[in-house]
N, C-alpha and C. Protein backbone atom coordinates (compact mmCIF):
# COMPACT_ATOMS: atom_id res chain seq x y z
N UNK A 1 147.93 82.39 -120.36
CA UNK A 1 148.85 82.38 -121.59
C UNK A 1 150.29 82.55 -121.65
N UNK A 2 150.83 82.24 -122.44
CA UNK A 2 152.01 81.52 -122.18
C UNK A 2 153.04 82.99 -122.01
N UNK A 3 154.37 82.85 -121.59
CA UNK A 3 155.25 83.99 -121.49
C UNK A 3 155.63 84.56 -122.78
N UNK A 4 155.69 83.78 -123.82
CA UNK A 4 156.03 84.26 -125.06
C UNK A 4 154.45 85.12 -125.54
N UNK A 5 153.50 84.35 -125.32
CA UNK A 5 152.37 85.16 -125.59
C UNK A 5 151.97 86.52 -125.27
N UNK A 6 152.48 86.55 -124.00
CA UNK A 6 152.42 88.04 -122.94
C UNK A 6 153.34 88.89 -123.61
N UNK A 7 154.52 88.53 -124.07
CA UNK A 7 155.39 89.24 -125.01
C UNK A 7 154.88 89.61 -126.15
N UNK A 8 154.45 89.03 -126.95
CA UNK A 8 153.49 89.26 -128.23
C UNK A 8 152.50 90.34 -127.99
N UNK A 9 151.68 90.06 -126.94
CA UNK A 9 150.44 90.75 -126.79
C UNK A 9 150.76 92.40 -126.40
N UNK A 10 151.85 92.37 -125.70
CA UNK A 10 152.58 93.74 -125.04
C UNK A 10 152.97 94.31 -126.44
N UNK A 11 153.65 93.65 -127.39
CA UNK A 11 154.11 94.30 -128.35
C UNK A 11 153.29 94.50 -129.74
N UNK A 12 152.44 93.53 -129.86
CA UNK A 12 151.60 93.78 -130.90
C UNK A 12 150.12 93.94 -130.81
N UNK A 13 149.91 93.86 -129.38
CA UNK A 13 148.46 94.16 -129.09
C UNK A 13 148.01 93.06 -128.39
N UNK A 14 146.63 93.25 -127.64
CA UNK A 14 146.03 91.90 -127.08
C UNK A 14 145.52 90.71 -128.11
N UNK A 15 145.54 91.25 -129.38
CA UNK A 15 144.77 90.49 -130.35
C UNK A 15 145.86 89.62 -131.15
N UNK A 16 147.12 89.75 -130.84
CA UNK A 16 148.44 89.11 -131.32
C UNK A 16 148.16 87.47 -130.95
N UNK A 17 148.51 86.75 -131.98
CA UNK A 17 148.63 85.41 -132.09
C UNK A 17 150.05 85.05 -132.51
N UNK A 18 150.95 84.22 -131.92
CA UNK A 18 152.47 83.81 -132.15
C UNK A 18 152.45 82.79 -133.22
N UNK A 19 153.41 82.84 -134.14
CA UNK A 19 153.41 81.49 -134.91
C UNK A 19 153.97 80.32 -133.64
N UNK A 20 153.64 79.39 -134.34
CA UNK A 20 154.11 78.21 -133.20
C UNK A 20 155.48 77.82 -132.98
N UNK A 21 155.80 77.36 -132.06
CA UNK A 21 157.42 77.37 -131.69
C UNK A 21 157.86 76.63 -132.96
N UNK A 22 157.49 76.05 -133.46
CA UNK A 22 157.98 75.23 -134.50
C UNK A 22 158.26 75.69 -135.81
N UNK A 23 157.53 77.22 -135.99
CA UNK A 23 157.84 77.93 -137.01
C UNK A 23 156.29 77.68 -137.79
N UNK A 24 156.27 78.75 -138.81
CA UNK A 24 155.26 78.38 -139.60
C UNK A 24 154.25 79.65 -139.11
N UNK A 25 152.94 79.67 -139.91
CA UNK A 25 152.15 80.59 -139.30
C UNK A 25 151.35 80.20 -138.18
N UNK A 26 150.99 81.16 -137.41
CA UNK A 26 150.08 80.65 -136.30
C UNK A 26 148.51 80.54 -137.06
N UNK A 27 147.96 79.72 -136.04
CA UNK A 27 146.29 79.45 -136.41
C UNK A 27 145.67 81.12 -136.45
N UNK A 28 144.91 81.18 -137.36
CA UNK A 28 144.29 82.74 -137.52
C UNK A 28 144.95 83.47 -138.07
N UNK A 29 146.26 83.36 -138.52
CA UNK A 29 147.27 84.39 -138.93
C UNK A 29 148.40 84.81 -138.10
N UNK A 30 149.03 85.84 -138.58
CA UNK A 30 150.21 86.17 -137.92
C UNK A 30 149.67 87.23 -136.80
N UNK A 31 150.66 87.98 -136.02
CA UNK A 31 150.56 88.94 -135.29
C UNK A 31 150.18 90.25 -135.90
N UNK A 32 150.78 90.42 -136.80
CA UNK A 32 150.59 92.05 -137.41
C UNK A 32 149.75 91.40 -138.78
N UNK A 33 148.95 92.42 -138.97
CA UNK A 33 147.88 92.09 -140.21
C UNK A 33 148.79 91.88 -141.42
N UNK A 34 148.26 91.02 -142.23
CA UNK A 34 148.90 90.42 -143.55
C UNK A 34 149.49 91.70 -144.18
N UNK A 35 150.92 91.51 -144.65
CA UNK A 35 151.39 92.30 -145.14
C UNK A 35 151.96 93.59 -144.54
N UNK A 36 151.71 93.93 -143.23
CA UNK A 36 151.94 95.03 -142.30
C UNK A 36 153.05 94.42 -141.28
N UNK A 37 153.88 95.38 -140.79
CA UNK A 37 154.95 95.12 -140.04
C UNK A 37 154.56 96.03 -138.81
N UNK A 38 155.12 95.67 -137.56
CA UNK A 38 155.02 96.72 -136.07
C UNK A 38 156.45 96.85 -136.02
N UNK A 39 157.01 98.24 -136.00
CA UNK A 39 158.27 98.69 -135.57
C UNK A 39 158.16 98.53 -133.98
N UNK A 40 159.04 97.44 -133.67
CA UNK A 40 159.33 96.95 -132.14
C UNK A 40 159.81 98.13 -131.37
N UNK A 41 160.96 98.49 -132.17
CA UNK A 41 161.88 99.33 -131.26
C UNK A 41 161.12 100.75 -130.62
N UNK A 42 160.19 101.52 -131.02
CA UNK A 42 159.65 102.36 -130.60
C UNK A 42 158.83 101.82 -129.51
N UNK A 43 158.09 100.86 -129.60
CA UNK A 43 157.18 100.36 -128.62
C UNK A 43 158.16 100.00 -127.39
N UNK A 44 159.06 99.44 -127.56
CA UNK A 44 160.02 99.16 -126.50
C UNK A 44 160.64 99.97 -125.84
N UNK A 45 160.99 100.96 -126.75
CA UNK A 45 161.89 102.30 -126.05
C UNK A 45 160.83 103.03 -125.11
N UNK A 46 159.52 103.13 -125.66
CA UNK A 46 158.82 103.81 -124.82
C UNK A 46 158.51 103.08 -123.54
N UNK A 47 158.48 101.77 -123.78
CA UNK A 47 158.11 100.90 -122.40
C UNK A 47 159.26 100.92 -121.27
N UNK A 48 160.49 101.27 -122.16
CA UNK A 48 161.79 101.46 -121.21
C UNK A 48 162.01 102.79 -120.59
N UNK A 49 161.06 103.69 -121.31
CA UNK A 49 161.17 105.18 -120.79
C UNK A 49 160.28 105.24 -119.47
N UNK A 50 159.32 104.54 -119.86
CA UNK A 50 158.58 104.57 -118.61
C UNK A 50 158.86 104.09 -117.39
N UNK A 51 159.78 103.16 -117.51
CA UNK A 51 160.38 102.74 -116.38
C UNK A 51 161.27 103.36 -115.39
N UNK A 52 161.88 104.28 -116.09
CA UNK A 52 162.71 105.19 -115.54
C UNK A 52 163.98 104.76 -114.63
N UNK A 53 164.30 103.35 -115.52
CA UNK A 53 165.66 102.85 -115.05
C UNK A 53 166.28 102.24 -116.43
N UNK A 54 167.58 102.02 -116.62
CA UNK A 54 168.48 101.80 -117.68
C UNK A 54 168.16 100.17 -118.02
N UNK A 55 167.34 99.91 -119.07
CA UNK A 55 167.08 98.56 -119.46
C UNK A 55 167.47 98.41 -121.00
N UNK A 56 168.28 97.33 -121.14
CA UNK A 56 168.94 97.25 -122.32
C UNK A 56 167.94 96.21 -123.26
N UNK A 57 167.06 96.32 -123.59
CA UNK A 57 166.05 95.40 -124.23
C UNK A 57 166.46 94.69 -125.71
N UNK A 58 167.67 95.65 -126.27
CA UNK A 58 168.25 95.19 -127.50
C UNK A 58 169.18 93.82 -127.20
N UNK A 59 169.87 93.76 -126.04
CA UNK A 59 170.53 92.70 -125.63
C UNK A 59 170.13 91.89 -124.42
N UNK A 60 169.37 92.35 -123.78
CA UNK A 60 169.19 91.63 -122.76
C UNK A 60 167.48 90.97 -122.45
N UNK A 61 167.26 89.67 -122.22
CA UNK A 61 166.05 89.10 -122.11
C UNK A 61 165.20 89.63 -121.09
N UNK A 62 166.28 89.49 -119.97
CA UNK A 62 165.75 90.16 -118.68
C UNK A 62 164.93 91.62 -118.76
N UNK A 63 165.89 92.26 -119.38
CA UNK A 63 165.49 94.01 -119.23
C UNK A 63 164.36 93.95 -120.43
N UNK A 64 164.31 93.05 -121.35
CA UNK A 64 163.23 93.27 -122.50
C UNK A 64 161.82 92.83 -121.48
N UNK A 65 161.84 91.71 -121.05
CA UNK A 65 160.91 91.10 -120.12
C UNK A 65 160.29 92.23 -118.87
N UNK A 66 161.43 93.08 -118.25
CA UNK A 66 161.20 94.34 -117.35
C UNK A 66 160.49 95.20 -117.98
N UNK A 67 160.79 95.66 -119.16
CA UNK A 67 160.28 96.73 -120.02
C UNK A 67 159.02 96.72 -120.02
N UNK A 68 158.27 94.95 -120.35
CA UNK A 68 157.27 95.02 -120.68
C UNK A 68 156.37 94.36 -119.59
N UNK A 69 156.90 94.81 -117.98
CA UNK A 69 155.95 94.37 -116.92
C UNK A 69 155.68 92.45 -116.96
N UNK A 70 156.31 92.09 -117.46
CA UNK A 70 156.60 90.45 -117.51
C UNK A 70 157.46 89.76 -116.75
N UNK A 71 157.13 88.94 -115.65
CA UNK A 71 158.04 88.36 -114.94
C UNK A 71 159.25 87.69 -115.19
N UNK A 72 160.16 88.56 -115.05
CA UNK A 72 161.61 88.16 -115.68
C UNK A 72 162.34 87.28 -114.55
N UNK A 73 161.81 86.59 -113.71
CA UNK A 73 162.73 85.55 -112.61
C UNK A 73 163.33 84.44 -113.35
N UNK A 74 164.11 84.09 -112.81
CA UNK A 74 164.90 82.87 -113.44
C UNK A 74 164.05 81.68 -113.85
N UNK A 75 162.87 81.37 -112.87
CA UNK A 75 161.66 80.58 -113.15
C UNK A 75 161.21 80.62 -114.41
N UNK A 76 160.86 82.08 -114.77
CA UNK A 76 159.80 82.31 -115.77
C UNK A 76 160.71 82.47 -117.08
N UNK A 77 162.06 82.63 -116.78
CA UNK A 77 162.80 82.66 -117.95
C UNK A 77 162.94 80.80 -118.59
N UNK A 78 162.81 80.20 -117.37
CA UNK A 78 163.09 78.63 -117.82
C UNK A 78 161.69 78.35 -118.23
N UNK A 79 160.89 78.92 -118.03
CA UNK A 79 159.61 78.53 -118.57
C UNK A 79 159.32 78.97 -120.11
N UNK A 80 159.94 80.11 -120.31
CA UNK A 80 160.13 80.62 -121.52
C UNK A 80 160.79 79.79 -122.46
N UNK A 81 161.82 79.30 -122.02
CA UNK A 81 162.86 78.61 -122.61
C UNK A 81 162.37 76.89 -123.24
N UNK A 82 161.56 76.71 -122.08
CA UNK A 82 160.84 75.38 -122.43
C UNK A 82 159.69 75.65 -123.53
N UNK A 83 158.88 76.76 -123.71
CA UNK A 83 157.99 77.05 -124.58
C UNK A 83 158.56 77.13 -125.72
N UNK A 84 159.62 77.61 -125.77
CA UNK A 84 160.34 77.88 -127.31
C UNK A 84 161.54 76.89 -127.62
N UNK A 85 161.30 75.73 -126.92
CA UNK A 85 162.18 74.44 -127.60
C UNK A 85 163.37 74.52 -127.02
N UNK A 86 163.75 75.06 -125.73
CA UNK A 86 165.31 75.13 -125.50
C UNK A 86 166.04 73.82 -125.12
N UNK A 87 167.15 73.24 -125.53
CA UNK A 87 167.83 71.75 -125.31
C UNK A 87 168.63 72.08 -124.46
N UNK A 88 169.56 73.20 -124.35
CA UNK A 88 170.74 73.57 -123.35
C UNK A 88 170.37 73.10 -122.04
N UNK A 89 171.32 73.55 -121.02
CA UNK A 89 171.45 73.33 -119.52
C UNK A 89 170.43 74.73 -119.09
N UNK A 90 169.30 74.57 -118.96
CA UNK A 90 168.63 75.59 -118.29
C UNK A 90 169.19 76.05 -116.96
N UNK A 91 170.11 75.31 -116.14
CA UNK A 91 170.83 76.20 -115.25
C UNK A 91 171.91 76.95 -115.31
N UNK A 92 172.37 77.01 -116.60
CA UNK A 92 173.34 77.82 -117.19
C UNK A 92 172.50 79.09 -117.65
N UNK A 93 172.39 80.10 -116.56
CA UNK A 93 171.33 81.12 -116.93
C UNK A 93 171.74 82.09 -118.09
N UNK A 94 173.22 82.14 -118.31
CA UNK A 94 174.12 83.20 -119.13
C UNK A 94 173.60 82.49 -120.49
N UNK A 95 173.75 81.37 -120.62
CA UNK A 95 173.75 80.71 -121.94
C UNK A 95 172.22 80.73 -122.80
N UNK A 96 171.37 80.36 -121.45
CA UNK A 96 169.76 80.28 -121.89
C UNK A 96 169.40 81.57 -122.08
N UNK A 97 169.86 82.53 -121.40
CA UNK A 97 169.68 84.04 -121.73
C UNK A 97 170.01 84.58 -123.01
N UNK A 98 171.08 84.38 -123.58
CA UNK A 98 171.66 84.68 -125.11
C UNK A 98 170.68 83.98 -126.06
N UNK A 99 170.44 82.69 -125.76
CA UNK A 99 169.49 81.93 -126.72
C UNK A 99 168.02 82.48 -126.45
N UNK A 100 167.69 82.73 -125.50
CA UNK A 100 166.20 83.34 -125.21
C UNK A 100 166.22 84.55 -126.30
N UNK A 101 167.12 85.43 -125.82
CA UNK A 101 166.87 86.93 -126.45
C UNK A 101 167.16 86.66 -127.96
N UNK A 102 167.91 85.88 -128.61
CA UNK A 102 167.82 85.26 -130.01
C UNK A 102 166.46 85.09 -130.57
N UNK A 103 166.07 84.03 -129.87
CA UNK A 103 164.84 83.36 -130.07
C UNK A 103 163.60 84.32 -130.28
N UNK A 104 163.66 85.24 -128.93
CA UNK A 104 162.39 86.00 -129.08
C UNK A 104 162.57 87.18 -130.13
N UNK A 105 163.63 87.64 -130.59
CA UNK A 105 163.94 88.37 -131.51
C UNK A 105 163.70 88.14 -133.09
N UNK A 106 163.88 86.54 -132.97
CA UNK A 106 163.77 85.99 -134.41
C UNK A 106 162.10 85.98 -134.54
N UNK A 107 161.39 85.50 -133.37
CA UNK A 107 160.04 85.15 -133.32
C UNK A 107 159.28 86.71 -133.50
N UNK A 108 159.62 87.59 -133.18
CA UNK A 108 159.06 88.77 -133.25
C UNK A 108 159.01 88.92 -134.62
N UNK A 109 160.32 88.94 -135.13
CA UNK A 109 160.43 89.16 -136.68
C UNK A 109 159.68 88.07 -137.40
N UNK A 110 159.65 87.06 -137.20
CA UNK A 110 158.58 86.14 -138.24
C UNK A 110 157.24 86.25 -137.81
N UNK A 111 156.68 87.04 -137.04
CA UNK A 111 155.47 87.32 -136.93
C UNK A 111 154.98 88.82 -137.32
N UNK A 112 155.97 89.38 -137.67
CA UNK A 112 155.81 90.83 -138.58
C UNK A 112 156.17 91.91 -137.73
N UNK A 113 157.23 91.75 -136.97
CA UNK A 113 157.91 92.67 -135.99
C UNK A 113 159.03 92.89 -136.84
N UNK A 114 159.09 94.62 -137.01
CA UNK A 114 160.54 95.13 -137.72
C UNK A 114 161.38 95.38 -136.48
N UNK A 115 162.75 94.73 -136.90
CA UNK A 115 163.65 94.69 -135.55
C UNK A 115 164.62 95.78 -136.24
N UNK A 116 165.45 96.48 -135.31
CA UNK A 116 166.42 97.51 -135.69
C UNK A 116 167.79 96.57 -136.34
N UNK A 117 167.98 97.32 -137.17
CA UNK A 117 169.29 96.68 -138.06
C UNK A 117 170.56 95.91 -137.32
N UNK A 118 170.75 96.71 -136.04
CA UNK A 118 171.84 96.23 -135.10
C UNK A 118 171.27 94.98 -134.48
N UNK A 119 170.29 94.36 -134.50
CA UNK A 119 169.86 92.93 -133.81
C UNK A 119 169.73 91.97 -134.91
N UNK A 120 170.77 91.06 -134.61
CA UNK A 120 170.99 90.06 -135.49
C UNK A 120 169.97 88.83 -135.03
N UNK A 121 169.19 88.37 -135.89
CA UNK A 121 168.22 87.45 -135.37
C UNK A 121 168.58 86.08 -136.66
């Protein structure tokens, strides 16, 4: 399973299917049932609370991945960037991480995820 697929499954459940990297609907439908949304914040807040450490999933791709028990190593993030079509310098981790967070939030929203209003995607 792709890294983004793992993120989707952790938030939407094991039957989640993400929209392709290029956009549009996923084969077989979207992650959330048609016409329904999944409130992302309570799911991630609960995952963070279970970790008993301060994780800022709203602003950090590393913390989001840690909260979901997904490998957040630099290599894993490079792989995620590749999956999502990152064209920047993958050795510039700060720029890549900012881009990744924005892309993941946008893709969650595109697949039926309801994001808190402070998260701009």
